[in-house]
N, C-alpha and C. Protein backbone atom coordinates (compact mmCIF):
# COMPACT_ATOMS: atom_id res chain seq x y z
N MET A 1 0.84 -1.17 0.00
CA MET A 1 0.00 0.00 0.00
C MET A 1 0.89 1.24 0.00
N SER A 2 0.63 2.13 -0.90
CA SER A 2 1.48 3.32 -0.97
C SER A 2 1.05 4.34 0.08
N VAL A 3 2.02 5.10 0.51
CA VAL A 3 1.77 6.13 1.50
C VAL A 3 1.89 7.48 0.80
N LEU A 4 0.90 8.33 0.98
CA LEU A 4 0.89 9.65 0.37
C LEU A 4 1.20 10.69 1.43
N LYS A 5 1.72 11.83 0.99
CA LYS A 5 1.94 12.94 1.90
C LYS A 5 0.97 14.05 1.54
N ASP A 6 0.34 14.62 2.56
CA ASP A 6 -0.56 15.73 2.30
C ASP A 6 0.22 17.03 2.26
N ARG A 7 -0.48 18.14 2.21
CA ARG A 7 0.16 19.44 2.02
C ARG A 7 1.07 19.84 3.17
N VAL A 8 0.82 19.36 4.36
CA VAL A 8 1.67 19.74 5.48
C VAL A 8 2.71 18.68 5.81
N GLY A 9 2.86 17.68 4.96
CA GLY A 9 3.91 16.70 5.12
C GLY A 9 3.55 15.48 5.95
N ARG A 10 2.29 15.36 6.36
CA ARG A 10 1.91 14.17 7.12
C ARG A 10 1.69 13.01 6.16
N GLU A 11 2.05 11.83 6.62
CA GLU A 11 1.82 10.65 5.79
C GLU A 11 0.39 10.18 6.02
N ASP A 12 -0.24 9.78 4.94
CA ASP A 12 -1.62 9.36 5.01
C ASP A 12 -1.80 8.11 4.16
N VAL A 13 -2.48 7.13 4.72
CA VAL A 13 -2.76 5.90 3.99
C VAL A 13 -4.07 6.10 3.24
N PRO A 14 -4.11 5.84 1.94
CA PRO A 14 -5.34 6.05 1.18
C PRO A 14 -6.49 5.22 1.75
N GLY A 15 -7.65 5.83 1.81
CA GLY A 15 -8.84 5.15 2.28
C GLY A 15 -9.13 5.33 3.75
N THR A 16 -8.28 6.00 4.49
CA THR A 16 -8.52 6.18 5.93
C THR A 16 -8.89 7.61 6.28
N ALA A 17 -9.00 8.48 5.30
CA ALA A 17 -9.24 9.89 5.59
C ALA A 17 -10.60 10.12 6.25
N GLY A 18 -11.61 9.34 5.90
CA GLY A 18 -12.93 9.57 6.44
C GLY A 18 -13.24 8.82 7.72
N PHE A 19 -12.28 8.09 8.27
CA PHE A 19 -12.55 7.28 9.46
C PHE A 19 -12.94 8.14 10.65
N GLY A 20 -12.26 9.26 10.83
CA GLY A 20 -12.58 10.14 11.95
C GLY A 20 -13.99 10.68 11.86
N LEU A 21 -14.42 11.01 10.65
CA LEU A 21 -15.77 11.51 10.45
C LEU A 21 -16.81 10.44 10.79
N TRP A 22 -16.55 9.21 10.36
CA TRP A 22 -17.47 8.12 10.68
C TRP A 22 -17.51 7.85 12.18
N LEU A 23 -16.36 7.93 12.81
CA LEU A 23 -16.31 7.71 14.25
C LEU A 23 -17.08 8.79 15.01
N MET A 24 -16.91 10.04 14.61
CA MET A 24 -17.65 11.13 15.26
C MET A 24 -19.15 10.98 15.04
N THR A 25 -19.55 10.56 13.84
CA THR A 25 -20.97 10.35 13.56
C THR A 25 -21.52 9.23 14.44
N LEU A 26 -20.78 8.15 14.58
CA LEU A 26 -21.21 7.04 15.42
C LEU A 26 -21.35 7.47 16.88
N VAL A 27 -20.38 8.23 17.36
CA VAL A 27 -20.41 8.70 18.75
C VAL A 27 -21.58 9.65 18.96
N ALA A 28 -21.90 10.47 17.97
CA ALA A 28 -23.00 11.42 18.11
C ALA A 28 -24.36 10.74 18.01
N LEU A 29 -24.48 9.71 17.18
CA LEU A 29 -25.78 9.08 16.97
C LEU A 29 -26.10 7.97 17.96
N THR A 30 -25.12 7.44 18.66
CA THR A 30 -25.40 6.37 19.63
C THR A 30 -26.35 6.81 20.73
N PRO A 31 -26.16 7.97 21.36
CA PRO A 31 -27.14 8.39 22.38
C PRO A 31 -28.53 8.62 21.80
N LEU A 32 -28.60 9.12 20.55
CA LEU A 32 -29.91 9.32 19.93
C LEU A 32 -30.59 7.98 19.67
N ALA A 33 -29.83 7.00 19.21
CA ALA A 33 -30.40 5.67 18.99
C ALA A 33 -30.84 5.03 20.30
N LEU A 34 -30.04 5.18 21.34
CA LEU A 34 -30.40 4.63 22.65
C LEU A 34 -31.68 5.28 23.17
N THR A 35 -31.79 6.59 23.01
CA THR A 35 -33.00 7.29 23.46
C THR A 35 -34.22 6.84 22.68
N ALA A 36 -34.08 6.70 21.36
CA ALA A 36 -35.21 6.28 20.53
C ALA A 36 -35.66 4.87 20.88
N VAL A 37 -34.71 3.97 21.10
CA VAL A 37 -35.06 2.59 21.46
C VAL A 37 -35.70 2.55 22.84
N TRP A 38 -35.11 3.24 23.80
CA TRP A 38 -35.62 3.22 25.17
C TRP A 38 -37.02 3.82 25.24
N LEU A 39 -37.18 5.02 24.67
CA LEU A 39 -38.47 5.70 24.75
C LEU A 39 -39.51 5.05 23.85
N GLY A 40 -39.12 4.70 22.62
CA GLY A 40 -40.07 4.09 21.69
C GLY A 40 -40.56 2.74 22.18
N GLY A 41 -39.66 1.90 22.66
CA GLY A 41 -40.08 0.60 23.18
C GLY A 41 -40.95 0.73 24.41
N SER A 42 -40.60 1.64 25.30
CA SER A 42 -41.40 1.83 26.51
C SER A 42 -42.78 2.38 26.18
N LEU A 43 -42.86 3.31 25.21
CA LEU A 43 -44.17 3.83 24.80
C LEU A 43 -45.01 2.75 24.13
N GLY A 44 -44.37 1.92 23.29
CA GLY A 44 -45.11 0.84 22.64
C GLY A 44 -45.69 -0.14 23.65
N VAL A 45 -44.91 -0.48 24.67
CA VAL A 45 -45.39 -1.40 25.71
C VAL A 45 -46.49 -0.74 26.53
N MET A 46 -46.34 0.55 26.83
CA MET A 46 -47.35 1.25 27.62
C MET A 46 -48.67 1.35 26.86
N LEU A 47 -48.61 1.57 25.55
CA LEU A 47 -49.84 1.74 24.78
C LEU A 47 -50.66 0.45 24.66
N ILE A 48 -50.04 -0.71 24.83
CA ILE A 48 -50.84 -1.94 24.78
C ILE A 48 -51.38 -2.32 26.15
N GLY A 49 -51.04 -1.52 27.17
CA GLY A 49 -51.63 -1.73 28.48
C GLY A 49 -50.73 -2.39 29.50
N ASP A 50 -49.46 -2.57 29.21
CA ASP A 50 -48.56 -3.20 30.18
C ASP A 50 -47.95 -2.20 31.16
N GLY A 51 -48.31 -0.94 31.06
CA GLY A 51 -47.84 0.07 32.00
C GLY A 51 -46.48 0.63 31.63
N TRP A 52 -46.11 1.67 32.37
CA TRP A 52 -44.82 2.34 32.14
C TRP A 52 -43.78 1.69 33.02
N ASN A 53 -42.99 0.81 32.43
CA ASN A 53 -41.93 0.14 33.16
C ASN A 53 -40.69 0.08 32.26
N PRO A 54 -40.02 1.23 32.05
CA PRO A 54 -38.89 1.23 31.12
C PRO A 54 -37.67 0.53 31.70
N PRO A 55 -36.82 0.01 30.83
CA PRO A 55 -35.56 -0.59 31.30
C PRO A 55 -34.59 0.52 31.71
N PRO A 56 -33.48 0.16 32.34
CA PRO A 56 -32.48 1.18 32.68
C PRO A 56 -31.96 1.88 31.42
N PHE A 57 -31.73 3.17 31.54
CA PHE A 57 -31.22 3.95 30.41
C PHE A 57 -29.70 3.87 30.42
N SER A 58 -29.15 2.89 29.70
CA SER A 58 -27.70 2.71 29.66
C SER A 58 -27.32 1.98 28.37
N LEU A 59 -26.03 2.00 28.08
CA LEU A 59 -25.55 1.26 26.92
C LEU A 59 -25.73 -0.24 27.09
N ALA A 60 -25.75 -0.69 28.34
CA ALA A 60 -25.99 -2.12 28.60
C ALA A 60 -27.37 -2.52 28.10
N SER A 61 -28.34 -1.62 28.21
CA SER A 61 -29.68 -1.92 27.69
C SER A 61 -29.65 -2.11 26.19
N LEU A 62 -28.88 -1.28 25.50
CA LEU A 62 -28.78 -1.41 24.05
C LEU A 62 -28.11 -2.73 23.66
N THR A 63 -27.06 -3.11 24.38
CA THR A 63 -26.41 -4.38 24.08
C THR A 63 -27.30 -5.56 24.47
N ASP A 64 -28.08 -5.43 25.54
CA ASP A 64 -29.03 -6.49 25.90
C ASP A 64 -30.10 -6.65 24.82
N LEU A 65 -30.54 -5.55 24.25
CA LEU A 65 -31.55 -5.61 23.19
C LEU A 65 -30.98 -6.32 21.96
N VAL A 66 -29.75 -6.00 21.61
CA VAL A 66 -29.13 -6.64 20.45
C VAL A 66 -28.87 -8.12 20.73
N GLY A 67 -28.42 -8.44 21.93
CA GLY A 67 -28.08 -9.82 22.26
C GLY A 67 -29.27 -10.70 22.61
N GLY A 68 -30.25 -10.15 23.33
CA GLY A 68 -31.34 -10.98 23.81
C GLY A 68 -32.71 -10.66 23.26
N GLY A 69 -32.81 -9.68 22.38
CA GLY A 69 -34.10 -9.32 21.80
C GLY A 69 -34.92 -8.44 22.74
N THR A 70 -36.14 -8.19 22.35
CA THR A 70 -36.99 -7.29 23.13
C THR A 70 -37.40 -7.90 24.46
N GLY A 71 -37.40 -9.21 24.56
CA GLY A 71 -37.76 -9.86 25.81
C GLY A 71 -36.76 -9.61 26.92
N ALA A 72 -35.52 -9.26 26.57
CA ALA A 72 -34.51 -8.97 27.59
C ALA A 72 -34.78 -7.64 28.28
N LEU A 73 -35.40 -6.69 27.59
CA LEU A 73 -35.67 -5.38 28.18
C LEU A 73 -37.10 -5.22 28.65
N TRP A 74 -38.03 -5.78 27.91
CA TRP A 74 -39.44 -5.70 28.26
C TRP A 74 -40.00 -7.12 28.34
N PRO A 75 -39.69 -7.84 29.43
CA PRO A 75 -40.14 -9.25 29.51
C PRO A 75 -41.66 -9.34 29.55
N GLY A 76 -42.18 -10.31 28.82
CA GLY A 76 -43.62 -10.56 28.80
C GLY A 76 -44.38 -9.67 27.85
N SER A 77 -43.75 -8.72 27.22
CA SER A 77 -44.44 -7.83 26.29
C SER A 77 -44.23 -8.33 24.87
N PRO A 78 -45.23 -8.18 24.02
CA PRO A 78 -45.08 -8.65 22.65
C PRO A 78 -44.03 -7.84 21.88
N THR A 79 -43.27 -8.55 21.08
CA THR A 79 -42.22 -7.91 20.29
C THR A 79 -42.81 -6.88 19.32
N GLY A 80 -43.97 -7.16 18.79
CA GLY A 80 -44.61 -6.24 17.84
C GLY A 80 -44.88 -4.87 18.45
N ALA A 81 -45.29 -4.85 19.71
CA ALA A 81 -45.57 -3.57 20.37
C ALA A 81 -44.29 -2.76 20.55
N VAL A 82 -43.22 -3.43 20.93
CA VAL A 82 -41.94 -2.75 21.13
C VAL A 82 -41.43 -2.21 19.79
N VAL A 83 -41.47 -3.04 18.76
CA VAL A 83 -40.98 -2.63 17.44
C VAL A 83 -41.86 -1.51 16.88
N ALA A 84 -43.17 -1.59 17.08
CA ALA A 84 -44.06 -0.54 16.60
C ALA A 84 -43.78 0.79 17.31
N GLY A 85 -43.55 0.74 18.61
CA GLY A 85 -43.22 1.97 19.34
C GLY A 85 -41.91 2.58 18.88
N ILE A 86 -40.90 1.74 18.70
CA ILE A 86 -39.59 2.23 18.23
C ILE A 86 -39.73 2.80 16.82
N SER A 87 -40.45 2.11 15.96
CA SER A 87 -40.62 2.57 14.58
C SER A 87 -41.40 3.87 14.51
N ALA A 88 -42.46 3.98 15.31
CA ALA A 88 -43.25 5.21 15.31
C ALA A 88 -42.42 6.39 15.79
N LEU A 89 -41.66 6.20 16.85
CA LEU A 89 -40.82 7.29 17.35
C LEU A 89 -39.72 7.64 16.36
N ALA A 90 -39.13 6.64 15.72
CA ALA A 90 -38.10 6.91 14.71
C ALA A 90 -38.69 7.68 13.54
N GLY A 91 -39.92 7.34 13.14
CA GLY A 91 -40.58 8.08 12.06
C GLY A 91 -40.84 9.53 12.42
N VAL A 92 -41.28 9.77 13.65
CA VAL A 92 -41.51 11.14 14.10
C VAL A 92 -40.20 11.92 14.14
N LEU A 93 -39.14 11.30 14.66
CA LEU A 93 -37.84 11.98 14.71
C LEU A 93 -37.30 12.26 13.31
N PHE A 94 -37.48 11.31 12.40
CA PHE A 94 -37.02 11.51 11.03
C PHE A 94 -37.80 12.63 10.36
N ALA A 95 -39.12 12.67 10.56
CA ALA A 95 -39.93 13.74 9.96
C ALA A 95 -39.54 15.10 10.52
N ALA A 96 -39.30 15.17 11.83
CA ALA A 96 -38.88 16.44 12.44
C ALA A 96 -37.53 16.88 11.89
N ALA A 97 -36.61 15.94 11.74
CA ALA A 97 -35.29 16.29 11.20
C ALA A 97 -35.40 16.74 9.75
N ALA A 98 -36.26 16.09 8.96
CA ALA A 98 -36.44 16.49 7.57
C ALA A 98 -37.05 17.88 7.48
N LEU A 99 -38.04 18.17 8.32
CA LEU A 99 -38.63 19.51 8.32
C LEU A 99 -37.61 20.57 8.70
N CYS A 100 -36.79 20.29 9.69
CA CYS A 100 -35.74 21.25 10.08
C CYS A 100 -34.74 21.43 8.95
N PHE A 101 -34.37 20.34 8.30
CA PHE A 101 -33.41 20.43 7.19
C PHE A 101 -33.96 21.29 6.07
N PHE A 102 -35.23 21.06 5.69
CA PHE A 102 -35.80 21.83 4.60
C PHE A 102 -36.07 23.27 5.00
N ALA A 103 -36.40 23.52 6.27
CA ALA A 103 -36.60 24.89 6.73
C ALA A 103 -35.28 25.66 6.69
N VAL A 104 -34.21 25.03 7.13
CA VAL A 104 -32.90 25.69 7.09
C VAL A 104 -32.47 25.89 5.64
N ASP A 105 -32.71 24.91 4.78
CA ASP A 105 -32.36 25.03 3.38
C ASP A 105 -33.11 26.18 2.73
N TRP A 106 -34.39 26.33 3.05
CA TRP A 106 -35.19 27.41 2.50
C TRP A 106 -34.68 28.76 2.99
N ALA A 107 -34.35 28.84 4.27
CA ALA A 107 -33.86 30.10 4.83
C ALA A 107 -32.51 30.48 4.22
N LEU A 108 -31.62 29.50 4.07
CA LEU A 108 -30.32 29.80 3.47
C LEU A 108 -30.46 30.19 2.00
N ALA A 109 -31.39 29.57 1.29
CA ALA A 109 -31.61 29.94 -0.10
C ALA A 109 -32.15 31.36 -0.20
N ALA A 110 -33.02 31.75 0.73
CA ALA A 110 -33.55 33.11 0.72
C ALA A 110 -32.44 34.13 1.01
N ILE A 111 -31.57 33.80 1.94
CA ILE A 111 -30.46 34.71 2.25
C ILE A 111 -29.51 34.80 1.06
N ALA A 112 -29.22 33.68 0.44
CA ALA A 112 -28.32 33.68 -0.71
C ALA A 112 -28.92 34.46 -1.87
N ALA A 113 -30.23 34.38 -2.06
CA ALA A 113 -30.87 35.11 -3.15
C ALA A 113 -30.78 36.61 -2.92
N ARG A 114 -30.90 37.04 -1.68
CA ARG A 114 -30.80 38.47 -1.38
C ARG A 114 -29.37 38.97 -1.55
N ARG A 115 -28.40 38.13 -1.32
CA ARG A 115 -27.01 38.57 -1.37
C ARG A 115 -26.40 38.38 -2.75
N SER A 116 -27.15 37.84 -3.67
CA SER A 116 -26.61 37.56 -5.00
C SER A 116 -26.35 38.86 -5.76
N LEU A 117 -25.24 38.90 -6.47
CA LEU A 117 -24.91 40.06 -7.29
C LEU A 117 -25.22 39.80 -8.76
N ASP A 118 -25.81 38.66 -9.08
CA ASP A 118 -26.09 38.33 -10.46
C ASP A 118 -27.30 39.08 -11.01
N ASP A 119 -28.09 39.69 -10.17
CA ASP A 119 -29.32 40.34 -10.63
C ASP A 119 -29.12 41.82 -10.91
N GLY A 120 -27.90 42.26 -11.07
CA GLY A 120 -27.65 43.66 -11.37
C GLY A 120 -27.56 44.54 -10.15
N SER A 121 -27.45 43.97 -8.98
CA SER A 121 -27.41 44.78 -7.77
C SER A 121 -25.99 45.17 -7.39
N ALA A 122 -25.03 44.94 -8.28
CA ALA A 122 -23.64 45.27 -7.98
C ALA A 122 -23.45 46.77 -7.80
N HIS A 123 -24.30 47.56 -8.41
CA HIS A 123 -24.16 49.01 -8.26
C HIS A 123 -24.48 49.47 -6.84
N ARG A 124 -25.19 48.66 -6.05
CA ARG A 124 -25.51 49.03 -4.67
C ARG A 124 -24.41 48.64 -3.70
N CYS A 125 -23.49 47.83 -4.13
CA CYS A 125 -22.42 47.37 -3.26
C CYS A 125 -21.31 48.41 -3.22
N PRO A 126 -20.95 48.93 -2.04
CA PRO A 126 -19.95 50.00 -2.00
C PRO A 126 -18.56 49.54 -2.44
N HIS A 127 -18.28 48.26 -2.39
CA HIS A 127 -16.95 47.78 -2.75
C HIS A 127 -16.77 47.64 -4.26
N THR A 128 -17.86 47.69 -5.01
CA THR A 128 -17.74 47.53 -6.46
C THR A 128 -18.03 48.82 -7.20
N ARG A 129 -18.31 49.90 -6.50
CA ARG A 129 -18.60 51.17 -7.16
C ARG A 129 -17.33 51.79 -7.72
N ALA A 130 -17.49 52.46 -8.84
CA ALA A 130 -16.38 53.24 -9.40
C ALA A 130 -16.27 54.53 -8.60
N PRO A 131 -15.09 55.12 -8.51
CA PRO A 131 -14.97 56.37 -7.78
C PRO A 131 -15.79 57.47 -8.44
N ALA A 132 -16.24 58.42 -7.63
CA ALA A 132 -17.05 59.52 -8.16
C ALA A 132 -16.20 60.36 -9.11
N PRO A 133 -16.79 60.81 -10.20
CA PRO A 133 -16.02 61.60 -11.16
C PRO A 133 -15.65 62.96 -10.58
N VAL A 134 -14.47 63.42 -10.93
CA VAL A 134 -13.99 64.73 -10.48
C VAL A 134 -14.48 65.77 -11.49
N PRO A 135 -15.06 66.87 -11.01
CA PRO A 135 -15.54 67.89 -11.96
C PRO A 135 -14.40 68.44 -12.81
N ALA A 136 -14.74 68.84 -14.01
CA ALA A 136 -13.73 69.32 -14.97
C ALA A 136 -13.06 70.60 -14.50
N GLY A 137 -13.75 71.40 -13.71
CA GLY A 137 -13.19 72.67 -13.27
C GLY A 137 -12.15 72.51 -12.18
N GLY A 138 -11.95 71.32 -11.66
CA GLY A 138 -10.96 71.08 -10.64
C GLY A 138 -11.35 71.59 -9.27
N SER A 139 -12.66 71.74 -9.01
CA SER A 139 -13.08 72.26 -7.71
C SER A 139 -13.03 71.21 -6.62
N ASP A 140 -12.75 69.98 -6.97
CA ASP A 140 -12.67 68.93 -5.96
C ASP A 140 -11.30 69.01 -5.30
N THR A 141 -11.28 69.17 -4.00
CA THR A 141 -10.01 69.34 -3.29
C THR A 141 -9.45 68.02 -2.77
N ARG A 142 -10.18 66.94 -2.96
CA ARG A 142 -9.68 65.64 -2.48
C ARG A 142 -8.55 65.16 -3.37
N ALA A 143 -7.61 64.51 -2.77
CA ALA A 143 -6.53 63.92 -3.56
C ALA A 143 -7.04 62.64 -4.19
N ALA A 144 -6.78 62.48 -5.44
CA ALA A 144 -7.23 61.28 -6.14
C ALA A 144 -6.31 60.13 -5.78
N ALA A 145 -6.87 59.10 -5.19
CA ALA A 145 -6.09 57.93 -4.82
C ALA A 145 -6.02 57.00 -6.02
N PRO A 146 -4.88 56.41 -6.27
CA PRO A 146 -4.79 55.46 -7.39
C PRO A 146 -5.61 54.22 -7.09
N LEU A 147 -6.21 53.67 -8.11
CA LEU A 147 -7.02 52.46 -7.96
C LEU A 147 -6.11 51.25 -7.96
N ALA A 148 -6.36 50.36 -7.03
CA ALA A 148 -5.59 49.12 -6.98
C ALA A 148 -6.15 48.17 -8.01
N SER A 149 -5.30 47.52 -8.71
CA SER A 149 -5.80 46.59 -9.73
C SER A 149 -5.68 45.18 -9.25
C-alpha cells in the first residue's frame, strides 16, 4: 500500500481519511439511537396496556436488546408492540429532522438570493462602485487615490 503525503507533510494511507468523520458520527448518533429505542419501546409497551416500566437507560440496555431481543428489556411484552413503538418514534424523529433540514435550506436559499450580485445589484455594493467623477473645473479638493488593480 502506498503512502501519500498531504500538504503539510503528514503521511496518510489512502482510504482512511474519512474514518474520523465516521467515528464522530457514530459517537454522536449512539445516544440518539439509545434514546429512541428506550423511549419508543417503553411507549409501545405502555400503549398496549402493560404500564410504564422502562428498562435502565444505559448502553448495557442497548447491548441487551441486540443480544437478547426485546424480551430482555421488556419481559412478557409482545415484540410487535416494542418494534411498533420504536418505529413510530423513529418516524416522528425523522420527519422532524427532515422539516428542520428543509426549513434551514429554504432560509439559506432566501439569504443567498438576497445577497446575490447576479441580478444587477452590484451598483448598490460599496466595494464595487467606481470612484465619483472629479468635476472638470478642478473644484474637488480631495486627492485622487490610485485604484488598486
